[in-house]
Amino acid sequence: MGSSEVSIIPGLQKEEKAAVERRRLHVLKALKKLRIEADEAPVVAVLGSGGGLRAHIACLGVLSEMKEQGLLDAVTYLAGVSGSTWAISSLYTNDGDMEALEADLKHRFTRQEWDLAKSLQKTIQAARSENYSLTDFWAYMVISKQTRELPESHLSNMKKPVEEGTLPYPIFAAIDNDLQPSWQEARAPETWFEFTPHHAGFPALGAFVSITHFGSKFKKGRLVRTHPERDLTFLRGLWGSALGNTEVIREYIFDQLRNLTLKGLWRRAVANAKSIGHLIFV
């Protein structure tokens, strides 16, 4: 369990510093394999852009080729937003095994089914929580349909390989659209919200909470009510900020529901027509 208070940290957290320090040894070994001599390990960061499912698959392709060429082992940080976060989180849930990740990706997208029943069950479970929001519906009913998976692991599960330095330090970013109006207009870096296997918070404010307490209730900087750590499916919905405006998301969801309803009515009409045709034929 992490700290039960909101921490004001103007720089890097101690956990991140320790993980990056351990990562240096792996980076130096990787550089040596690439025949690059270095006295100190450089800090190399790979940043993935957004773009939903296209960004998800494109980022996985880049990471796969980097792994193949031995370049991924020389990376200190992996960071992304929207679809790239889906790709990066998949890398860590597969413990960095790119072959297993690619096989899973092919399996998911070869079959055309979407597990609507499971997604609906997760949505209903989330609706019973006092923390329920539009993001839950977005994550379990929209993002899960796009990615065809419902990862139930957590960011805190990524700590071991990160702290050992065997994988780059991951930073997942999301846009907060409910900040001060001046920040919204400027679209400055202050509008970003960061997630790591250790903390979640606003870099601009230097305010962070333990990732295991993200979603819990705090008052005057102290934990007053604990809620379970949010799973990766929910976080993917939160990170998938291509539609960062609540009204746009709501309109998108309603359009999707209308399409589902129309498809259902059409199937029913076709079924009825077939039944009538059968009766006439008989």
Protein backbone atom coordinates (compact mmCIF):
# COMPACT_ATOMS: atom_id res chain seq x y z
CA MET A 1 0.00 0.00 0.00
CA GLY A 2 1.17 3.50 -0.77
CA SER A 3 0.97 6.69 1.22
CA SER A 4 -2.47 7.64 2.53
CA GLU A 5 -1.86 11.33 1.88
CA VAL A 6 -1.63 13.59 -1.13
CA SER A 7 2.09 14.14 -1.69
CA ILE A 8 3.49 17.41 -2.99
CA ILE A 9 6.51 16.40 -5.03
CA PRO A 10 8.05 19.14 -7.23
CA GLY A 11 10.45 16.77 -8.97
CA LEU A 12 10.73 13.04 -9.64
CA GLN A 13 9.34 10.65 -7.05
CA LYS A 14 11.86 8.51 -5.18
CA GLU A 15 10.36 5.31 -6.64
CA GLU A 16 10.83 6.61 -10.17
CA LYS A 17 14.40 7.73 -9.43
CA ALA A 18 15.28 4.29 -8.04
CA ALA A 19 13.70 2.48 -11.01
CA VAL A 20 15.48 4.70 -13.54
CA GLU A 21 18.78 4.17 -11.73
CA ARG A 22 18.40 0.39 -11.98
CA ARG A 23 17.37 0.73 -15.61
CA ARG A 24 20.73 2.39 -16.42
CA LEU A 25 22.56 -0.93 -16.10
CA HIS A 26 20.24 -2.58 -18.62
CA VAL A 27 20.57 0.39 -20.98
CA LEU A 28 24.38 0.20 -20.89
CA LYS A 29 24.27 -3.54 -21.66
CA ALA A 30 21.90 -2.90 -24.57
CA LEU A 31 24.13 -0.16 -25.96
CA LYS A 32 27.14 -2.48 -25.74
CA LYS A 33 25.25 -5.11 -27.78
CA LEU A 34 24.54 -2.39 -30.33
CA ARG A 35 28.28 -1.58 -30.35
CA ILE A 36 27.70 1.84 -28.88
CA GLU A 37 30.27 2.80 -26.26
CA ALA A 38 29.03 5.03 -23.43
CA ASP A 39 30.46 5.86 -20.02
CA GLU A 40 27.02 6.73 -18.69
CA ALA A 41 23.62 5.54 -19.80
CA PRO A 42 21.72 8.25 -21.66
CA VAL A 43 18.08 8.86 -20.78
CA VAL A 44 16.15 7.85 -23.89
CA ALA A 45 12.38 8.34 -23.98
CA VAL A 46 9.94 7.00 -26.56
CA LEU A 47 6.71 9.01 -26.79
CA GLY A 48 3.59 7.61 -28.43
CA SER A 49 0.91 9.88 -29.87
CA GLY A 50 -2.85 9.45 -29.76
CA GLY A 51 -5.23 8.24 -32.43
CA GLY A 52 -7.38 5.51 -30.92
CA LEU A 53 -7.13 2.03 -32.42
CA ARG A 54 -4.79 3.18 -35.20
CA ALA A 55 -2.36 4.57 -32.64
CA HIS A 56 -2.72 1.38 -30.59
CA ILE A 57 -1.70 -0.90 -33.47
CA ALA A 58 0.90 1.50 -34.89
CA CYS A 59 2.58 1.89 -31.51
CA LEU A 60 2.68 -1.88 -31.04
CA GLY A 61 4.31 -2.19 -34.46
CA VAL A 62 6.99 0.34 -33.54
CA LEU A 63 7.66 -1.33 -30.18
CA SER A 64 7.86 -4.74 -31.86
CA GLU A 65 10.45 -3.56 -34.39
CA MET A 66 12.43 -1.78 -31.67
CA LYS A 67 12.48 -5.00 -29.66
CA GLU A 68 13.58 -6.95 -32.75
CA GLN A 69 16.46 -4.53 -33.37
CA GLY A 70 17.53 -4.44 -29.71
CA LEU A 71 16.60 -0.78 -29.38
CA LEU A 72 13.80 -1.15 -26.84
CA ASP A 73 16.30 -2.40 -24.25
CA ALA A 74 18.14 0.93 -24.55
CA VAL A 75 15.04 2.97 -23.69
CA THR A 76 14.62 4.50 -20.23
CA TYR A 77 11.05 5.83 -20.51
CA LEU A 78 7.96 4.82 -22.47
CA ALA A 79 5.17 7.38 -22.50
CA GLY A 80 1.93 7.82 -24.40
CA VAL A 81 -1.58 9.17 -24.61
CA SER A 82 -4.84 7.71 -25.91
CA GLY A 83 -4.30 4.69 -28.20
CA SER A 84 -0.57 4.54 -27.47
CA THR A 85 -1.33 3.96 -23.79
CA TRP A 86 -3.35 0.91 -24.77
CA ALA A 87 -0.32 -0.46 -26.62
CA ILE A 88 2.15 0.34 -23.85
CA SER A 89 -0.10 -1.17 -21.16
CA SER A 90 -0.38 -4.35 -23.27
CA LEU A 91 3.41 -4.59 -23.33
CA TYR A 92 3.54 -4.57 -19.53
CA THR A 93 0.60 -6.92 -18.98
CA ASN A 94 2.54 -9.39 -21.16
CA ASP A 95 5.71 -8.80 -19.07
CA GLY A 96 7.51 -7.38 -22.08
CA ASP A 97 7.01 -10.56 -24.13
CA MET A 98 6.47 -9.07 -27.58
CA GLU A 99 5.85 -12.42 -29.28
CA ALA A 100 3.05 -13.24 -26.84
CA LEU A 101 1.64 -9.76 -27.28
CA GLU A 102 1.61 -10.07 -31.08
CA ALA A 103 -0.01 -13.50 -30.91
CA ASP A 104 -2.70 -12.15 -28.60
CA LEU A 105 -3.30 -9.17 -30.88
CA LYS A 106 -3.72 -11.43 -33.94
CA HIS A 107 -6.09 -13.69 -32.00
CA ARG A 108 -8.25 -10.79 -30.86
CA PHE A 109 -8.56 -9.17 -34.26
CA THR A 110 -8.85 -12.35 -36.31
CA ARG A 111 -12.15 -13.13 -34.65
CA GLN A 112 -14.86 -10.57 -35.21
CA GLU A 113 -16.77 -11.14 -31.97
CA TRP A 114 -17.07 -8.61 -29.21
CA ASP A 115 -17.96 -10.00 -25.78
CA LEU A 116 -20.94 -7.71 -25.24
CA ALA A 117 -22.23 -9.76 -22.30
CA LYS A 118 -18.98 -9.44 -20.36
CA SER A 119 -18.65 -5.74 -21.18
CA LEU A 120 -22.23 -5.16 -20.06
CA GLN A 121 -21.60 -7.09 -16.84
CA LYS A 122 -18.57 -4.92 -16.05
CA THR A 123 -20.58 -1.78 -16.80
CA ILE A 124 -23.35 -2.86 -14.43
CA GLN A 125 -20.81 -3.67 -11.71
CA ALA A 126 -19.24 -0.23 -12.13
CA ALA A 127 -22.68 1.41 -11.98
CA ARG A 128 -23.13 0.10 -8.44
CA SER A 129 -20.11 2.08 -7.25
CA GLU A 130 -20.42 5.61 -5.90
CA ASN A 131 -17.54 6.53 -8.21
CA TYR A 132 -19.50 5.60 -11.33
CA SER A 133 -19.12 8.07 -14.19
CA LEU A 134 -19.45 8.39 -17.95
CA THR A 135 -15.86 7.17 -18.18
CA ASP A 136 -16.94 3.73 -16.89
CA PHE A 137 -19.48 3.37 -19.69
CA TRP A 138 -16.97 4.71 -22.20
CA ALA A 139 -14.30 2.26 -21.04
CA TYR A 140 -16.35 -0.93 -20.71
CA MET A 141 -18.72 -0.44 -23.66
CA VAL A 142 -16.75 1.57 -26.23
CA ILE A 143 -13.01 1.09 -25.69
CA SER A 144 -13.47 -2.63 -24.95
CA LYS A 145 -15.33 -2.98 -28.26
CA GLN A 146 -12.49 -1.30 -30.13
CA THR A 147 -9.68 -3.29 -28.51
CA ARG A 148 -11.75 -6.48 -28.01
CA GLU A 149 -10.35 -7.06 -24.56
CA LEU A 150 -11.13 -6.26 -20.94
CA PRO A 151 -7.82 -6.24 -19.03
CA GLU A 152 -8.52 -6.59 -15.32
CA SER A 153 -4.94 -6.10 -14.12
CA HIS A 154 -3.76 -2.88 -12.48
CA LEU A 155 -0.96 -0.36 -12.88
CA SER A 156 0.48 -1.44 -9.55
CA ASN A 157 0.99 -4.93 -11.05
CA MET A 158 3.67 -3.40 -13.31
CA LYS A 159 5.92 -2.44 -10.40
CA LYS A 160 8.15 -5.53 -10.29
CA PRO A 161 9.76 -5.40 -13.79
CA VAL A 162 9.89 -1.60 -13.61
CA GLU A 163 11.58 -1.51 -10.20
CA GLU A 164 14.02 -4.21 -11.30
CA GLY A 165 14.86 -2.14 -14.37
CA THR A 166 14.06 -4.91 -16.86
CA LEU A 167 11.47 -2.71 -18.61
CA PRO A 168 11.42 1.05 -19.28
CA TYR A 169 9.63 3.30 -16.81
CA PRO A 170 6.09 3.86 -18.19
CA ILE A 171 4.17 7.14 -18.01
CA PHE A 172 0.55 7.22 -19.13
CA ALA A 173 -1.01 10.61 -19.81
CA ALA A 174 -4.58 11.87 -19.91
CA ILE A 175 -6.12 15.27 -20.61
CA ASP A 176 -8.17 16.77 -17.79
CA ASN A 177 -10.94 18.87 -19.27
CA ASP A 178 -12.26 20.11 -15.92
CA LEU A 179 -9.31 22.29 -14.95
CA GLN A 180 -9.21 26.03 -14.59
CA PRO A 181 -10.66 27.89 -17.61
CA SER A 182 -7.35 29.63 -18.31
CA TRP A 183 -5.63 26.23 -18.55
CA GLN A 184 -8.33 24.89 -20.85
CA GLU A 185 -7.93 27.84 -23.23
CA ALA A 186 -4.14 27.64 -23.31
CA ARG A 187 -4.02 23.83 -23.62
CA ALA A 188 -0.76 24.13 -21.74
CA PRO A 189 1.19 21.18 -20.30
CA GLU A 190 -0.63 21.83 -17.02
CA THR A 191 -3.71 20.12 -18.48
CA TRP A 192 -1.98 16.74 -18.39
CA PHE A 193 -2.59 14.16 -15.71
CA GLU A 194 0.11 11.49 -15.22
CA PHE A 195 -0.13 7.84 -14.25
CA THR A 196 2.77 5.52 -13.38
CA PRO A 197 2.97 2.16 -11.59
CA HIS A 198 3.58 4.18 -8.41
CA HIS A 199 1.60 7.43 -8.55
CA ALA A 200 -1.11 9.45 -10.26
CA GLY A 201 -1.33 13.22 -10.23
CA PHE A 202 -0.85 16.66 -11.77
CA PRO A 203 2.81 17.44 -12.62
CA ALA A 204 1.98 21.17 -12.80
CA LEU A 205 0.81 21.17 -9.20
CA GLY A 206 3.33 18.60 -8.03
CA ALA A 207 0.41 16.81 -6.33
CA PHE A 208 0.30 13.02 -6.45
CA VAL A 209 -1.44 10.11 -4.76
CA SER A 210 -0.40 6.49 -4.60
CA ILE A 211 -1.71 4.64 -7.67
CA THR A 212 -3.39 2.12 -5.35
CA HIS A 213 -5.46 4.99 -3.95
CA PHE A 214 -6.43 6.56 -7.26
CA GLY A 215 -10.23 6.84 -7.11
CA SER A 216 -10.29 6.95 -3.31
CA LYS A 217 -11.61 10.00 -1.46
CA PHE A 218 -9.28 12.57 0.09
CA LYS A 219 -10.06 15.57 2.28
CA LYS A 220 -7.49 18.27 3.04
CA GLY A 221 -4.83 15.99 1.61
CA ARG A 222 -5.70 12.98 3.79
CA LEU A 223 -7.34 9.72 2.79
CA VAL A 224 -10.87 9.50 4.22
CA ARG A 225 -12.43 6.71 2.15
CA THR A 226 -10.69 3.89 0.31
CA HIS A 227 -11.92 2.48 -2.98
CA PRO A 228 -10.40 -0.46 -4.90
CA GLU A 229 -7.70 0.39 -7.41
CA ARG A 230 -9.23 0.97 -10.85
CA ASP A 231 -8.42 -1.71 -13.43
CA LEU A 232 -6.66 -1.13 -16.74
CA THR A 233 -9.89 -1.23 -18.73
CA PHE A 234 -11.18 1.82 -16.84
CA LEU A 235 -7.82 3.58 -17.12
CA ARG A 236 -7.72 2.94 -20.86
CA GLY A 237 -11.06 4.69 -21.09
CA LEU A 238 -9.65 7.57 -19.09
CA TRP A 239 -6.48 7.74 -21.17
CA GLY A 240 -8.38 7.45 -24.46
CA SER A 241 -8.86 11.18 -24.51
CA ALA A 242 -9.23 11.77 -28.25
CA LEU A 243 -12.79 12.75 -27.36
CA GLY A 244 -11.85 14.77 -24.30
CA ASN A 245 -15.08 16.75 -24.20
CA THR A 246 -17.92 15.31 -22.12
CA GLU A 247 -20.60 16.51 -24.53
CA VAL A 248 -18.81 14.97 -27.52
CA ILE A 249 -18.45 11.66 -25.67
CA ARG A 250 -22.12 11.69 -24.71
CA GLU A 251 -23.16 12.38 -28.30
CA TYR A 252 -20.86 9.61 -29.56
CA ILE A 253 -22.32 7.10 -27.08
CA PHE A 254 -25.90 8.03 -27.99
CA ASP A 255 -25.09 7.61 -31.67
CA GLN A 256 -23.65 4.16 -30.97
CA LEU A 257 -26.72 3.17 -28.96
CA ARG A 258 -29.02 4.40 -31.73
CA ASN A 259 -27.07 2.34 -34.25
CA LEU A 260 -27.34 -0.74 -32.06
CA THR A 261 -31.07 -0.16 -31.66
CA LEU A 262 -31.59 0.31 -35.40
CA LYS A 263 -29.58 -2.83 -36.14
CA GLY A 264 -31.68 -4.72 -33.62
CA LEU A 265 -34.91 -3.46 -35.18
CA TRP A 266 -33.64 -4.35 -38.63
CA ARG A 267 -32.74 -7.89 -37.57
CA ARG A 268 -36.16 -8.26 -35.97
CA ALA A 269 -37.86 -6.98 -39.13
CA VAL A 270 -35.88 -9.40 -41.28
CA ALA A 271 -36.69 -12.28 -38.93
CA ASN A 272 -40.38 -11.38 -39.00
CA ALA A 273 -40.33 -11.14 -42.79
CA LYS A 274 -38.76 -14.58 -43.00
CA SER A 275 -41.38 -15.99 -40.63
CA ILE A 276 -44.20 -14.45 -42.67
CA GLY A 277 -42.65 -15.78 -45.86
CA HIS A 278 -42.41 -19.21 -44.26
CA LEU A 279 -46.07 -19.09 -43.24
CA ILE A 280 -47.14 -17.99 -46.72
CA PHE A 281 -45.04 -20.73 -48.26
CA VAL A 282 -46.54 -23.35 -45.93
